[in-house]
N, C-alpha and C. Protein backbone atom coordinates (compact mmCIF):
# COMPACT_ATOMS: atom_id res chain seq x y z
N MET A 1 109.65 119.59 131.10
CA MET A 1 110.01 118.21 130.90
C MET A 1 108.77 117.32 130.82
N ASN A 2 107.67 117.74 131.46
CA ASN A 2 106.46 116.93 131.44
C ASN A 2 105.93 116.73 130.04
N ASN A 3 105.98 117.76 129.22
CA ASN A 3 105.56 117.62 127.83
C ASN A 3 106.40 116.60 127.10
N ARG A 4 107.60 116.46 127.53
CA ARG A 4 108.53 115.56 126.83
C ARG A 4 108.10 114.12 126.96
N TRP A 5 107.48 113.75 128.09
CA TRP A 5 107.01 112.37 128.24
C TRP A 5 105.92 112.07 127.25
N ARG A 6 105.01 113.00 127.15
CA ARG A 6 103.93 112.81 126.19
C ARG A 6 104.50 112.79 124.78
N SER A 7 105.43 113.69 124.54
CA SER A 7 106.05 113.75 123.22
C SER A 7 106.74 112.44 122.88
N LEU A 8 107.40 111.88 123.86
CA LEU A 8 108.13 110.64 123.60
C LEU A 8 107.19 109.51 123.21
N GLY A 9 106.12 109.35 123.96
CA GLY A 9 105.17 108.29 123.65
C GLY A 9 104.54 108.47 122.28
N PHE A 10 104.12 109.69 121.99
CA PHE A 10 103.50 109.95 120.71
C PHE A 10 104.53 109.94 119.59
N ALA A 11 105.74 110.35 119.88
CA ALA A 11 106.78 110.32 118.85
C ALA A 11 107.05 108.89 118.41
N ALA A 12 107.06 107.98 119.37
CA ALA A 12 107.28 106.58 119.02
C ALA A 12 106.16 106.08 118.10
N LEU A 13 104.94 106.45 118.44
CA LEU A 13 103.80 106.04 117.61
C LEU A 13 103.90 106.64 116.22
N LEU A 14 104.18 107.93 116.15
CA LEU A 14 104.24 108.58 114.84
C LEU A 14 105.44 108.11 114.02
N ALA A 15 106.57 107.88 114.68
CA ALA A 15 107.73 107.38 113.95
C ALA A 15 107.42 106.01 113.35
N ALA A 16 106.74 105.20 114.13
CA ALA A 16 106.36 103.89 113.62
C ALA A 16 105.41 104.05 112.44
N ALA A 17 104.51 104.97 112.57
CA ALA A 17 103.56 105.20 111.49
C ALA A 17 104.26 105.69 110.24
N ALA A 18 105.19 106.60 110.40
CA ALA A 18 105.91 107.14 109.24
C ALA A 18 106.70 106.04 108.55
N LEU A 19 107.33 105.19 109.34
CA LEU A 19 108.12 104.11 108.76
C LEU A 19 107.22 103.13 108.03
N ALA A 20 106.07 102.87 108.62
CA ALA A 20 105.16 101.89 108.03
C ALA A 20 104.47 102.41 106.78
N ALA A 21 104.50 103.70 106.55
CA ALA A 21 103.70 104.28 105.48
C ALA A 21 104.40 104.41 104.15
N ALA A 22 105.63 104.01 104.00
CA ALA A 22 106.32 104.32 102.76
C ALA A 22 106.82 103.09 102.04
N PRO A 23 106.74 103.00 100.75
CA PRO A 23 105.73 103.69 99.96
C PRO A 23 104.40 103.00 100.14
N ALA A 24 103.34 103.72 100.00
CA ALA A 24 102.00 103.22 100.31
C ALA A 24 101.62 102.03 99.45
N PHE A 25 102.04 102.01 98.19
CA PHE A 25 101.59 100.92 97.33
C PHE A 25 102.31 99.62 97.61
N ALA A 26 103.32 99.64 98.46
CA ALA A 26 104.05 98.42 98.76
C ALA A 26 103.56 97.78 100.05
N GLN A 27 102.57 98.38 100.69
CA GLN A 27 102.10 97.86 101.95
C GLN A 27 100.83 97.07 101.80
N GLU A 28 100.46 96.44 102.91
CA GLU A 28 99.16 95.83 102.99
C GLU A 28 98.15 96.95 103.12
N PRO A 29 96.99 96.80 102.58
CA PRO A 29 95.98 97.85 102.72
C PRO A 29 95.46 97.91 104.13
N THR A 30 94.93 99.06 104.52
CA THR A 30 94.30 99.17 105.82
C THR A 30 92.96 98.44 105.76
N ALA A 31 92.38 98.22 106.90
CA ALA A 31 91.11 97.50 106.96
C ALA A 31 90.06 98.25 106.15
N PRO A 32 89.25 97.53 105.41
CA PRO A 32 88.23 98.20 104.61
C PRO A 32 87.21 98.89 105.50
N ALA A 33 86.62 99.93 104.96
CA ALA A 33 85.61 100.66 105.71
C ALA A 33 84.41 99.76 105.96
N ALA A 34 83.81 99.92 107.10
CA ALA A 34 82.68 99.07 107.47
C ALA A 34 81.40 99.49 106.74
N THR A 35 81.40 100.68 106.18
CA THR A 35 80.18 101.20 105.59
C THR A 35 79.83 100.52 104.26
N SER A 36 80.77 100.39 103.35
CA SER A 36 80.47 99.78 102.07
C SER A 36 81.74 99.13 101.51
N PRO A 37 81.56 98.09 100.71
CA PRO A 37 82.73 97.43 100.14
C PRO A 37 83.41 98.34 99.11
N ALA A 38 84.70 98.16 98.98
CA ALA A 38 85.48 98.96 98.03
C ALA A 38 85.14 98.54 96.60
N ALA A 39 85.17 99.50 95.71
CA ALA A 39 84.92 99.22 94.30
C ALA A 39 86.24 98.80 93.65
N SER A 40 86.17 97.81 92.80
CA SER A 40 87.39 97.37 92.13
C SER A 40 87.85 98.45 91.14
N VAL A 41 89.14 98.40 90.83
CA VAL A 41 89.75 99.38 89.92
C VAL A 41 90.14 98.61 88.66
N PRO A 42 89.49 98.89 87.55
CA PRO A 42 89.86 98.18 86.31
C PRO A 42 91.30 98.54 85.90
N TRP A 43 92.03 97.54 85.47
CA TRP A 43 93.42 97.75 85.02
C TRP A 43 93.46 98.81 83.93
N SER A 44 92.46 98.79 83.05
CA SER A 44 92.42 99.73 81.93
C SER A 44 92.21 101.18 82.39
N SER A 45 91.74 101.38 83.63
CA SER A 45 91.53 102.74 84.12
C SER A 45 92.83 103.38 84.62
N LEU A 46 93.87 102.57 84.79
CA LEU A 46 95.16 103.09 85.24
C LEU A 46 95.89 103.73 84.07
N SER A 47 96.64 104.78 84.35
CA SER A 47 97.42 105.43 83.30
C SER A 47 98.53 104.47 82.85
N GLY A 48 99.12 104.76 81.71
CA GLY A 48 100.23 103.94 81.23
C GLY A 48 101.38 103.91 82.23
N GLU A 49 101.66 105.07 82.86
CA GLU A 49 102.74 105.12 83.87
C GLU A 49 102.40 104.25 85.07
N GLN A 50 101.14 104.28 85.50
CA GLN A 50 100.73 103.45 86.63
C GLN A 50 100.84 101.97 86.27
N GLN A 51 100.39 101.62 85.06
CA GLN A 51 100.47 100.22 84.64
C GLN A 51 101.92 99.75 84.61
N LYS A 52 102.81 100.61 84.13
CA LYS A 52 104.23 100.25 84.07
C LYS A 52 104.77 100.06 85.49
N LEU A 53 104.43 100.97 86.38
CA LEU A 53 104.89 100.90 87.76
C LEU A 53 104.34 99.66 88.46
N LEU A 54 103.11 99.30 88.15
CA LEU A 54 102.45 98.16 88.80
C LEU A 54 102.49 96.90 87.93
N SER A 55 103.39 96.85 86.98
CA SER A 55 103.40 95.74 86.01
C SER A 55 103.51 94.37 86.67
N SER A 56 104.16 94.29 87.82
CA SER A 56 104.28 92.98 88.48
C SER A 56 102.92 92.48 88.98
N PHE A 57 101.93 93.37 89.08
CA PHE A 57 100.60 92.98 89.51
C PHE A 57 99.65 92.77 88.32
N GLY A 58 100.10 93.14 87.13
CA GLY A 58 99.23 93.14 85.95
C GLY A 58 98.52 91.83 85.69
N SER A 59 99.24 90.72 85.72
CA SER A 59 98.62 89.43 85.38
C SER A 59 97.64 88.96 86.45
N GLN A 60 97.78 89.43 87.66
CA GLN A 60 96.89 88.99 88.74
C GLN A 60 95.94 90.10 89.20
N TRP A 61 95.96 91.26 88.52
CA TRP A 61 95.19 92.42 88.95
C TRP A 61 93.73 92.09 89.23
N ASN A 62 93.09 91.37 88.32
CA ASN A 62 91.67 91.08 88.47
C ASN A 62 91.36 90.15 89.63
N THR A 63 92.36 89.47 90.14
CA THR A 63 92.14 88.56 91.28
C THR A 63 92.42 89.24 92.61
N LEU A 64 92.98 90.44 92.59
CA LEU A 64 93.27 91.16 93.83
C LEU A 64 91.97 91.70 94.44
N PRO A 65 91.90 91.73 95.78
CA PRO A 65 90.73 92.34 96.41
C PRO A 65 90.62 93.81 95.99
N ALA A 66 89.40 94.31 95.93
CA ALA A 66 89.16 95.68 95.48
C ALA A 66 89.90 96.70 96.34
N ASP A 67 89.95 96.49 97.66
CA ASP A 67 90.64 97.46 98.51
C ASP A 67 92.14 97.46 98.24
N ARG A 68 92.68 96.31 97.88
CA ARG A 68 94.10 96.23 97.53
C ARG A 68 94.35 96.96 96.21
N GLN A 69 93.46 96.77 95.24
CA GLN A 69 93.58 97.48 93.97
C GLN A 69 93.56 98.99 94.20
N GLN A 70 92.63 99.44 95.04
CA GLN A 70 92.54 100.88 95.33
C GLN A 70 93.80 101.39 96.00
N ALA A 71 94.33 100.61 96.95
CA ALA A 71 95.55 101.03 97.64
C ALA A 71 96.72 101.11 96.66
N LEU A 72 96.83 100.14 95.79
CA LEU A 72 97.91 100.15 94.80
C LEU A 72 97.75 101.30 93.82
N ALA A 73 96.53 101.53 93.36
CA ALA A 73 96.29 102.63 92.41
C ALA A 73 96.62 103.97 93.08
N HIS A 74 96.16 104.16 94.30
CA HIS A 74 96.43 105.42 95.01
C HIS A 74 97.93 105.57 95.27
N GLY A 75 98.56 104.49 95.72
CA GLY A 75 100.00 104.55 95.98
C GLY A 75 100.80 104.86 94.73
N SER A 76 100.39 104.30 93.60
CA SER A 76 101.12 104.57 92.35
C SER A 76 100.94 106.03 91.94
N GLU A 77 99.75 106.59 92.17
CA GLU A 77 99.54 108.01 91.89
C GLU A 77 100.46 108.87 92.75
N ARG A 78 100.53 108.52 94.04
CA ARG A 78 101.40 109.26 94.95
C ARG A 78 102.85 109.17 94.49
N TRP A 79 103.28 107.96 94.14
CA TRP A 79 104.66 107.74 93.73
C TRP A 79 104.99 108.59 92.50
N LEU A 80 104.10 108.57 91.54
CA LEU A 80 104.34 109.31 90.30
C LEU A 80 104.33 110.82 90.51
N SER A 81 103.69 111.28 91.57
CA SER A 81 103.65 112.72 91.84
C SER A 81 104.85 113.19 92.67
N MET A 82 105.67 112.26 93.15
CA MET A 82 106.82 112.61 93.99
C MET A 82 107.98 113.13 93.16
N SER A 83 108.78 113.99 93.80
CA SER A 83 110.02 114.44 93.17
C SER A 83 111.05 113.31 93.30
N ALA A 84 112.16 113.45 92.59
CA ALA A 84 113.22 112.44 92.66
C ALA A 84 113.73 112.28 94.10
N GLY A 85 113.88 113.40 94.80
CA GLY A 85 114.34 113.36 96.20
C GLY A 85 113.36 112.63 97.10
N GLU A 86 112.08 112.91 96.90
CA GLU A 86 111.05 112.23 97.70
C GLU A 86 111.04 110.73 97.42
N ARG A 87 111.24 110.37 96.17
CA ARG A 87 111.30 108.94 95.82
C ARG A 87 112.50 108.26 96.47
N ASP A 88 113.64 108.95 96.48
CA ASP A 88 114.83 108.38 97.13
C ASP A 88 114.57 108.16 98.61
N GLN A 89 113.94 109.13 99.26
CA GLN A 89 113.62 108.98 100.68
C GLN A 89 112.66 107.82 100.90
N ALA A 90 111.67 107.70 100.04
CA ALA A 90 110.71 106.60 100.15
C ALA A 90 111.41 105.26 99.97
N ARG A 91 112.31 105.18 99.01
CA ARG A 91 113.06 103.93 98.80
C ARG A 91 113.88 103.57 100.04
N GLN A 92 114.52 104.56 100.64
CA GLN A 92 115.31 104.31 101.85
C GLN A 92 114.42 103.82 102.98
N ARG A 93 113.27 104.47 103.17
CA ARG A 93 112.35 104.04 104.23
C ARG A 93 111.86 102.62 103.96
N PHE A 94 111.56 102.33 102.69
CA PHE A 94 111.07 101.00 102.36
C PHE A 94 112.17 99.95 102.57
N SER A 95 113.40 100.28 102.26
CA SER A 95 114.51 99.35 102.50
C SER A 95 114.63 99.05 103.99
N ARG A 96 114.51 100.10 104.80
CA ARG A 96 114.55 99.88 106.26
C ARG A 96 113.37 99.01 106.71
N TRP A 97 112.22 99.27 106.11
CA TRP A 97 111.02 98.49 106.43
C TRP A 97 111.24 97.01 106.10
N GLN A 98 111.76 96.73 104.91
CA GLN A 98 111.98 95.34 104.49
C GLN A 98 113.00 94.63 105.37
N ALA A 99 113.94 95.38 105.93
CA ALA A 99 114.98 94.79 106.77
C ALA A 99 114.47 94.43 108.16
N LEU A 100 113.32 94.93 108.54
CA LEU A 100 112.79 94.65 109.88
C LEU A 100 112.30 93.22 109.98
N PRO A 101 112.42 92.64 111.16
CA PRO A 101 111.85 91.30 111.36
C PRO A 101 110.32 91.35 111.22
N PRO A 102 109.70 90.27 110.78
CA PRO A 102 108.24 90.26 110.58
C PRO A 102 107.46 90.70 111.82
N ALA A 103 107.88 90.28 112.99
CA ALA A 103 107.15 90.66 114.21
C ALA A 103 107.18 92.17 114.43
N GLN A 104 108.31 92.77 114.13
CA GLN A 104 108.41 94.22 114.30
C GLN A 104 107.57 94.95 113.26
N ARG A 105 107.54 94.43 112.04
CA ARG A 105 106.70 95.04 111.01
C ARG A 105 105.22 94.96 111.42
N GLN A 106 104.82 93.82 111.97
CA GLN A 106 103.43 93.66 112.40
C GLN A 106 103.11 94.62 113.54
N ALA A 107 104.04 94.80 114.47
CA ALA A 107 103.81 95.75 115.56
C ALA A 107 103.66 97.17 115.01
N LEU A 108 104.48 97.51 114.03
CA LEU A 108 104.37 98.85 113.42
C LEU A 108 103.05 99.01 112.68
N ARG A 109 102.61 97.97 111.98
CA ARG A 109 101.32 98.04 111.29
C ARG A 109 100.19 98.27 112.30
N SER A 110 100.28 97.57 113.43
CA SER A 110 99.25 97.74 114.47
C SER A 110 99.25 99.16 115.00
N ARG A 111 100.43 99.72 115.22
CA ARG A 111 100.51 101.11 115.70
C ARG A 111 99.94 102.07 114.66
N TRP A 112 100.25 101.80 113.40
CA TRP A 112 99.74 102.66 112.33
C TRP A 112 98.22 102.58 112.28
N GLN A 113 97.68 101.38 112.40
CA GLN A 113 96.22 101.23 112.39
C GLN A 113 95.61 101.94 113.58
N HIS A 114 96.27 101.88 114.73
CA HIS A 114 95.78 102.61 115.90
C HIS A 114 95.79 104.11 115.62
N PHE A 115 96.87 104.60 115.04
CA PHE A 115 96.97 106.02 114.71
C PHE A 115 95.83 106.40 113.76
N GLN A 116 95.57 105.56 112.77
CA GLN A 116 94.51 105.84 111.80
C GLN A 116 93.13 105.86 112.46
N SER A 117 92.97 105.16 113.58
CA SER A 117 91.68 105.12 114.26
C SER A 117 91.44 106.36 115.13
N LEU A 118 92.47 107.17 115.34
CA LEU A 118 92.33 108.38 116.14
C LEU A 118 91.53 109.44 115.38
N SER A 119 90.93 110.32 116.13
CA SER A 119 90.21 111.43 115.50
C SER A 119 91.24 112.35 114.83
N PRO A 120 90.80 113.18 113.89
CA PRO A 120 91.75 114.12 113.26
C PRO A 120 92.46 115.02 114.29
N ALA A 121 91.74 115.44 115.32
CA ALA A 121 92.36 116.29 116.35
C ALA A 121 93.44 115.51 117.11
N GLN A 122 93.15 114.25 117.42
CA GLN A 122 94.14 113.43 118.11
C GLN A 122 95.35 113.17 117.22
N GLN A 123 95.11 112.92 115.94
CA GLN A 123 96.23 112.71 115.01
C GLN A 123 97.09 113.97 114.95
N GLN A 124 96.45 115.13 114.90
CA GLN A 124 97.20 116.38 114.86
C GLN A 124 98.03 116.56 116.13
N ALA A 125 97.46 116.20 117.27
CA ALA A 125 98.20 116.30 118.53
C ALA A 125 99.42 115.38 118.50
N VAL A 126 99.26 114.19 117.95
CA VAL A 126 100.38 113.25 117.83
C VAL A 126 101.48 113.87 116.96
N ARG A 127 101.08 114.43 115.83
CA ARG A 127 102.06 115.05 114.92
C ARG A 127 102.80 116.20 115.60
N GLU A 128 102.03 117.04 116.30
CA GLU A 128 102.66 118.18 116.99
C GLU A 128 103.64 117.71 118.06
N ASN A 129 103.25 116.69 118.81
CA ASN A 129 104.15 116.16 119.83
C ASN A 129 105.40 115.56 119.20
N PHE A 130 105.22 114.89 118.09
CA PHE A 130 106.38 114.32 117.40
C PHE A 130 107.33 115.43 116.97
N HIS A 131 106.79 116.50 116.41
CA HIS A 131 107.64 117.61 115.96
C HIS A 131 108.34 118.28 117.15
N ARG A 132 107.61 118.42 118.27
CA ARG A 132 108.26 118.99 119.46
C ARG A 132 109.40 118.09 119.94
N PHE A 133 109.15 116.80 119.93
CA PHE A 133 110.18 115.84 120.35
C PHE A 133 111.39 115.94 119.43
N GLN A 134 111.15 116.05 118.12
CA GLN A 134 112.25 116.15 117.16
C GLN A 134 113.07 117.41 117.36
N GLN A 135 112.47 118.46 117.93
CA GLN A 135 113.18 119.71 118.14
C GLN A 135 114.09 119.67 119.37
N LEU A 136 113.93 118.69 120.21
CA LEU A 136 114.77 118.58 121.41
C LEU A 136 116.20 118.23 121.00
N PRO A 137 117.18 118.65 121.80
CA PRO A 137 118.55 118.22 121.52
C PRO A 137 118.64 116.69 121.57
N GLN A 138 119.53 116.14 120.76
CA GLN A 138 119.63 114.68 120.65
C GLN A 138 119.88 114.02 122.00
N ALA A 139 120.72 114.60 122.82
CA ALA A 139 121.01 114.01 124.13
C ALA A 139 119.75 113.93 124.98
N GLN A 140 118.94 114.95 124.90
CA GLN A 140 117.70 114.97 125.66
C GLN A 140 116.71 113.92 125.13
N ARG A 141 116.64 113.80 123.81
CA ARG A 141 115.76 112.78 123.22
C ARG A 141 116.20 111.39 123.66
N GLN A 142 117.51 111.14 123.61
CA GLN A 142 118.01 109.83 124.00
C GLN A 142 117.73 109.53 125.47
N ALA A 143 117.89 110.54 126.33
CA ALA A 143 117.61 110.34 127.75
C ALA A 143 116.14 110.00 127.97
N LEU A 144 115.27 110.71 127.27
CA LEU A 144 113.84 110.43 127.40
C LEU A 144 113.49 109.04 126.87
N GLN A 145 114.11 108.66 125.77
CA GLN A 145 113.87 107.33 125.21
C GLN A 145 114.31 106.25 126.18
N GLN A 146 115.47 106.44 126.79
CA GLN A 146 115.97 105.45 127.76
C GLN A 146 115.04 105.36 128.97
N ARG A 147 114.58 106.52 129.41
CA ARG A 147 113.69 106.53 130.56
C ARG A 147 112.37 105.83 130.22
N TRP A 148 111.85 106.07 129.03
CA TRP A 148 110.61 105.42 128.59
C TRP A 148 110.82 103.91 128.49
N ARG A 149 111.92 103.51 127.87
CA ARG A 149 112.18 102.07 127.71
C ARG A 149 112.37 101.37 129.05
N GLY A 150 112.93 102.08 130.02
CA GLY A 150 113.18 101.50 131.34
C GLY A 150 111.96 101.48 132.24
N ALA A 151 110.90 102.14 131.82
CA ALA A 151 109.69 102.21 132.65
C ALA A 151 108.87 100.94 132.49
N SER A 152 108.21 100.56 133.58
CA SER A 152 107.30 99.42 133.53
C SER A 152 106.04 99.84 132.79
N PRO A 153 105.23 98.89 132.36
CA PRO A 153 103.97 99.25 131.70
C PRO A 153 103.10 100.17 132.58
N GLU A 154 103.08 99.90 133.88
CA GLU A 154 102.30 100.74 134.79
C GLU A 154 102.86 102.15 134.83
N GLN A 155 104.18 102.28 134.87
CA GLN A 155 104.80 103.60 134.89
C GLN A 155 104.53 104.35 133.59
N ARG A 156 104.55 103.62 132.49
CA ARG A 156 104.25 104.26 131.20
C ARG A 156 102.82 104.79 131.18
N LEU A 157 101.89 103.97 131.68
CA LEU A 157 100.50 104.42 131.73
C LEU A 157 100.36 105.68 132.59
N GLN A 158 101.08 105.70 133.71
CA GLN A 158 101.05 106.89 134.57
C GLN A 158 101.61 108.10 133.84
N MET A 159 102.70 107.91 133.11
CA MET A 159 103.29 109.02 132.35
C MET A 159 102.31 109.56 131.33
N VAL A 160 101.65 108.66 130.62
CA VAL A 160 100.69 109.07 129.60
C VAL A 160 99.52 109.79 130.25
N GLU A 161 99.03 109.25 131.36
CA GLU A 161 97.90 109.89 132.05
C GLU A 161 98.28 111.28 132.55
N ARG A 162 99.45 111.44 133.11
CA ARG A 162 99.90 112.77 133.55
C ARG A 162 99.99 113.72 132.36
N ALA A 163 100.48 113.21 131.25
CA ALA A 163 100.58 114.05 130.06
C ALA A 163 99.19 114.48 129.58
N ARG A 164 98.23 113.57 129.62
CA ARG A 164 96.86 113.91 129.22
C ARG A 164 96.29 115.00 130.13
N GLU A 165 96.53 114.84 131.44
CA GLU A 165 96.04 115.83 132.39
C GLU A 165 96.66 117.20 132.11
N ARG A 166 97.94 117.23 131.85
CA ARG A 166 98.61 118.50 131.54
C ARG A 166 98.07 119.11 130.26
N HIS A 167 97.80 118.25 129.28
CA HIS A 167 97.24 118.74 128.01
C HIS A 167 95.86 119.36 128.25
N GLN A 168 95.05 118.67 129.04
CA GLN A 168 93.71 119.20 129.32
C GLN A 168 93.80 120.51 130.08
N GLN A 169 94.75 120.64 130.98
CA GLN A 169 94.94 121.89 131.73
C GLN A 169 95.34 123.01 130.77
N ARG A 170 96.25 122.70 129.85
CA ARG A 170 96.68 123.72 128.89
C ARG A 170 95.52 124.15 128.00
N MET A 171 94.70 123.19 127.59
CA MET A 171 93.58 123.51 126.71
C MET A 171 92.52 124.33 127.44
N ALA A 172 92.39 124.10 128.74
CA ALA A 172 91.39 124.83 129.53
C ALA A 172 91.88 126.21 129.95
N ALA A 173 93.19 126.42 129.97
CA ALA A 173 93.76 127.70 130.40
C ALA A 173 93.48 128.76 129.35
N PRO A 174 93.18 129.99 129.79
CA PRO A 174 93.00 131.07 128.81
C PRO A 174 94.27 131.25 127.99
N HIS A 175 94.09 131.62 126.73
CA HIS A 175 95.24 131.83 125.85
C HIS A 175 96.14 132.91 126.42
N GLY A 176 97.40 132.72 126.28
CA GLY A 176 98.38 133.69 126.77
C GLY A 176 98.80 133.43 128.20
N GLU A 177 98.05 132.58 128.90
CA GLU A 177 98.42 132.26 130.27
C GLU A 177 99.30 131.02 130.25
N PRO A 178 100.48 131.07 130.86
CA PRO A 178 101.36 129.91 130.82
C PRO A 178 100.74 128.74 131.60
N PRO A 179 101.05 127.53 131.19
CA PRO A 179 100.52 126.37 131.91
C PRO A 179 101.08 126.33 133.32
N ARG A 180 100.26 125.79 134.21
CA ARG A 180 100.70 125.67 135.60
C ARG A 180 101.79 124.64 135.70
N PRO A 181 102.78 124.87 136.56
CA PRO A 181 103.83 123.85 136.75
C PRO A 181 103.22 122.61 137.37
N HIS A 182 103.74 121.48 136.97
CA HIS A 182 103.25 120.19 137.48
C HIS A 182 104.40 119.50 138.18
N HIS A 183 104.19 119.15 139.42
CA HIS A 183 105.28 118.50 140.19
C HIS A 183 104.94 117.09 140.50
């Protein structure tokens, strides 16, 4: 059950990230890299399909920030590479996204940006925890969600810290040796 607390916290983060990520070209771009400014994307460099998909941006394309142009170009490439089923799923996620109140969308964007700031190993751990959480029976997931929601901020921090300690113990344990029980 101890893994479940960690899974719950990370599942919430990853679920928020997944919701915030679809479709990519319809979102605000992430913060530009601090190393160098983004290069603008000439409208003429986009394929005909991309131009058609992004036609609502065509008249203002040259006035868009370069990072926004890059995000739109990349998102349109992703969209065009999707199957019909993947596009339907993306449309559904985007509809849910648009229905959210602005404050909730901003909170999700912040969580997504936090996720993006994690190291690749940390991101992978979040994904794995999310998948483990998804594998739990629905009743168990709901119970964990209720317990998390009912916890104070201090209790949540304690839960996360205990989960980190358990993770570190598992990582330090020789392979094949079961993790020590935590009481």
